[in-house]
């Protein structure tokens, strides 16, 4: 039975990884651009968080790593995303997103809370972690903008981030518990066969 569970987790991790990679490179799937200045809302955090709560912290780090590496590869294709070639901006925060979501979910489940509430709180924690870490690292290590333009750009970005952050947070809090509920139901059905 343990071997069957390990195989199941490995297959699910592969499916989530494939989703992350596909959504990264298919336009308007993982990154939804809504302005000519390359302003985007991401949906990839939802896949990473969902995989994290389904598979646990070890796979959470792997899924976050897949997201981070795909982000680096994507950054290599467009000069507007140059700063995301830095793994401290694109890789490390994404690994931590998966870990935070998985650990928050596991901790809340130990408290015997409703699985949908646990999934929603873990989704919020993962989303906020992504927003806070990526923006913090970008502020610290992103250096492709000259100092004169930086302050104007920073004001614009902070305004957009508040909008992006709310949309990304709402999407994660709504979608993750719903999708997790279906995956958990399928798992329960699979275990009874």
Protein backbone atom coordinates (compact mmCIF):
# COMPACT_ATOMS: atom_id res chain seq x y z
CA UNK A 1 0.00 0.00 0.00
CA UNK A 2 2.87 2.37 0.82
CA UNK A 3 4.37 1.77 -2.62
CA UNK A 4 1.01 2.57 -4.22
CA UNK A 5 0.79 5.86 -2.29
CA UNK A 6 4.34 6.82 -3.27
CA UNK A 7 3.55 6.10 -6.91
CA UNK A 8 0.36 8.16 -6.64
CA UNK A 9 2.26 11.11 -5.13
CA UNK A 10 4.96 10.89 -7.78
CA UNK A 11 2.37 10.85 -10.58
CA UNK A 12 0.48 13.80 -9.05
CA UNK A 13 3.75 15.71 -8.68
CA UNK A 14 4.50 15.06 -12.35
CA UNK A 15 1.02 16.26 -13.37
CA UNK A 16 1.31 19.43 -11.26
CA UNK A 17 4.83 20.04 -12.65
CA UNK A 18 3.58 19.63 -16.22
CA UNK A 19 0.74 22.07 -15.49
CA UNK A 20 3.19 24.62 -14.10
CA UNK A 21 5.48 24.34 -17.12
CA UNK A 22 2.63 24.45 -19.64
CA UNK A 23 0.93 27.38 -17.90
CA UNK A 24 4.22 29.29 -17.80
CA UNK A 25 4.74 29.20 -21.53
CA UNK A 26 1.16 29.22 -22.88
CA UNK A 27 0.12 32.86 -23.19
CA UNK A 28 -2.56 34.06 -20.78
CA UNK A 29 -2.59 30.85 -18.73
CA UNK A 30 -0.05 31.21 -15.94
CA UNK A 31 0.61 34.91 -16.39
CA UNK A 32 -2.26 37.09 -17.51
CA UNK A 33 -0.88 40.31 -19.02
CA UNK A 34 -3.30 43.20 -18.85
CA UNK A 35 -1.23 46.24 -19.73
CA UNK A 36 1.35 47.06 -22.38
CA UNK A 37 4.00 47.65 -19.70
CA UNK A 38 4.13 43.91 -18.97
CA UNK A 39 1.92 44.07 -15.88
CA UNK A 40 0.68 40.60 -15.06
CA UNK A 41 -1.49 38.63 -12.71
CA UNK A 42 -0.20 35.14 -12.00
CA UNK A 43 -2.31 32.03 -11.61
CA UNK A 44 0.62 29.67 -11.14
CA UNK A 45 0.61 30.11 -7.38
CA UNK A 46 -2.76 28.31 -7.36
CA UNK A 47 -1.26 25.19 -8.94
CA UNK A 48 1.75 25.22 -6.60
CA UNK A 49 -0.43 25.73 -3.51
CA UNK A 50 -2.87 23.03 -4.60
CA UNK A 51 -0.04 20.56 -5.21
CA UNK A 52 1.52 21.53 -1.90
CA UNK A 53 -1.56 20.80 0.17
CA UNK A 54 -2.24 17.56 -1.71
CA UNK A 55 1.31 16.19 -1.56
CA UNK A 56 3.00 17.64 1.54
CA UNK A 57 6.03 19.79 2.16
CA UNK A 58 8.65 17.72 0.29
CA UNK A 59 6.78 17.84 -2.98
CA UNK A 60 5.79 21.44 -2.20
CA UNK A 61 9.44 22.45 -2.40
CA UNK A 62 9.82 20.56 -5.69
CA UNK A 63 6.73 22.19 -7.21
CA UNK A 64 7.89 25.62 -6.06
CA UNK A 65 11.27 24.86 -7.61
CA UNK A 66 9.65 23.90 -10.91
CA UNK A 67 7.76 27.20 -10.88
CA UNK A 68 10.93 29.12 -10.09
CA UNK A 69 13.02 27.45 -12.80
CA UNK A 70 10.26 27.92 -15.38
CA UNK A 71 10.11 31.59 -14.35
CA UNK A 72 13.87 31.92 -14.96
CA UNK A 73 13.53 30.28 -18.38
CA UNK A 74 10.64 32.59 -19.23
CA UNK A 75 12.69 35.62 -18.14
CA UNK A 76 15.40 34.59 -20.58
CA UNK A 77 12.93 35.07 -23.45
CA UNK A 78 12.03 38.73 -22.82
CA UNK A 79 14.19 41.68 -21.76
CA UNK A 80 11.28 43.15 -19.74
CA UNK A 81 11.63 40.25 -17.30
CA UNK A 82 15.42 40.48 -17.07
CA UNK A 83 15.46 40.88 -13.29
CA UNK A 84 13.72 37.52 -12.92
CA UNK A 85 16.85 35.78 -14.18
CA UNK A 86 18.10 36.26 -10.62
CA UNK A 87 17.18 33.10 -8.65
CA UNK A 88 16.81 35.18 -5.47
CA UNK A 89 13.85 36.91 -7.13
CA UNK A 90 12.31 34.07 -9.09
CA UNK A 91 13.35 30.74 -7.55
CA UNK A 92 13.79 31.05 -3.78
CA UNK A 93 10.45 32.81 -3.10
CA UNK A 94 8.55 30.22 -5.18
CA UNK A 95 10.07 27.32 -3.21
CA UNK A 96 9.09 29.05 0.03
CA UNK A 97 5.51 29.57 -1.27
CA UNK A 98 5.04 25.82 -1.61
CA UNK A 99 6.57 25.12 1.78
CA UNK A 100 4.46 27.74 3.57
CA UNK A 101 1.22 26.48 1.99
CA UNK A 102 2.00 22.84 2.81
CA UNK A 103 3.06 23.52 6.40
CA UNK A 104 0.14 25.84 7.15
CA UNK A 105 -2.30 23.27 5.73
CA UNK A 106 -0.74 20.38 7.68
CA UNK A 107 -0.72 22.41 10.91
CA UNK A 108 -4.35 23.42 10.54
CA UNK A 109 -5.44 19.88 9.69
CA UNK A 110 -3.87 18.71 12.99
CA UNK A 111 -6.28 21.09 14.73
CA UNK A 112 -9.15 19.09 13.17
CA UNK A 113 -10.49 22.11 11.26
CA UNK A 114 -12.67 21.74 8.18
CA UNK A 115 -10.50 20.78 5.17
CA UNK A 116 -11.97 23.59 3.06
CA UNK A 117 -11.12 26.20 5.69
CA UNK A 118 -7.60 24.75 6.01
CA UNK A 119 -7.17 24.86 2.23
CA UNK A 120 -8.44 28.46 2.05
CA UNK A 121 -6.11 29.64 4.82
CA UNK A 122 -3.16 27.78 3.26
CA UNK A 123 -4.03 29.40 -0.10
CA UNK A 124 -4.04 32.84 1.52
CA UNK A 125 -0.73 32.15 3.29
CA UNK A 126 0.93 30.90 0.08
CA UNK A 127 -0.37 33.79 -2.01
CA UNK A 128 0.68 36.43 0.49
CA UNK A 129 4.09 34.75 0.82
CA UNK A 130 4.54 34.90 -2.96
CA UNK A 131 3.56 38.56 -3.18
CA UNK A 132 5.65 39.64 -0.19
CA UNK A 133 8.79 37.68 -1.06
CA UNK A 134 8.91 38.32 -4.79
CA UNK A 135 8.32 42.05 -4.34
CA UNK A 136 10.80 42.29 -1.47
CA UNK A 137 13.47 40.44 -3.41
CA UNK A 138 12.72 42.50 -6.52
CA UNK A 139 13.11 45.69 -4.50
CA UNK A 140 16.39 44.48 -2.99
CA UNK A 141 18.03 42.75 -5.98
CA UNK A 142 16.23 44.10 -9.08
CA UNK A 143 18.55 46.66 -10.56
CA UNK A 144 17.77 47.06 -14.24
CA UNK A 145 15.94 50.38 -13.75
CA UNK A 146 17.95 53.58 -13.53
CA UNK A 147 17.63 55.62 -10.33
CA UNK A 148 15.71 58.52 -11.96
CA UNK A 149 12.96 56.30 -13.34
CA UNK A 150 12.94 54.04 -10.30
CA UNK A 151 10.74 56.18 -8.01
CA UNK A 152 8.05 56.69 -10.66
CA UNK A 153 8.17 53.03 -11.58
CA UNK A 154 7.98 52.05 -7.91
CA UNK A 155 4.82 54.14 -7.37
CA UNK A 156 3.15 52.62 -10.41
CA UNK A 157 4.16 49.10 -9.43
CA UNK A 158 2.96 49.49 -5.83
CA UNK A 159 -0.44 50.65 -7.10
CA UNK A 160 -0.67 47.73 -9.51
CA UNK A 161 0.55 45.28 -6.89
CA UNK A 162 -2.27 46.20 -4.57
CA UNK A 163 -4.74 45.38 -7.35
CA UNK A 164 -2.84 42.26 -8.47
CA UNK A 165 -2.43 41.04 -4.91
CA UNK A 166 -6.14 41.29 -4.17
CA UNK A 167 -7.10 39.48 -7.39
CA UNK A 168 -4.50 36.73 -6.89
CA UNK A 169 -5.51 36.31 -3.24
CA UNK A 170 -9.23 36.11 -4.02
CA UNK A 171 -8.66 33.62 -6.84
CA UNK A 172 -6.54 31.36 -4.63
CA UNK A 173 -8.91 31.48 -1.64
CA UNK A 174 -11.86 30.55 -3.87
CA UNK A 175 -10.27 28.03 -6.24
CA UNK A 176 -7.87 26.08 -4.03
CA UNK A 177 -10.50 24.77 -1.55
CA UNK A 178 -12.91 23.89 -4.38
CA UNK A 179 -10.34 21.98 -6.43
CA UNK A 180 -8.79 20.40 -3.34
CA UNK A 181 -12.24 19.14 -2.33
CA UNK A 182 -12.59 17.33 -5.66
CA UNK A 183 -9.10 15.84 -5.46
CA UNK A 184 -9.73 14.69 -1.86
CA UNK A 185 -13.04 13.12 -2.93
CA UNK A 186 -11.29 11.28 -5.77
CA UNK A 187 -8.61 10.08 -3.32
CA UNK A 188 -11.26 8.82 -0.92
CA UNK A 189 -13.04 7.01 -3.75
CA UNK A 190 -9.74 5.51 -4.95
CA UNK A 191 -8.91 4.23 -1.46
CA UNK A 192 -12.25 2.42 -1.13
CA UNK A 193 -11.74 0.45 -4.34
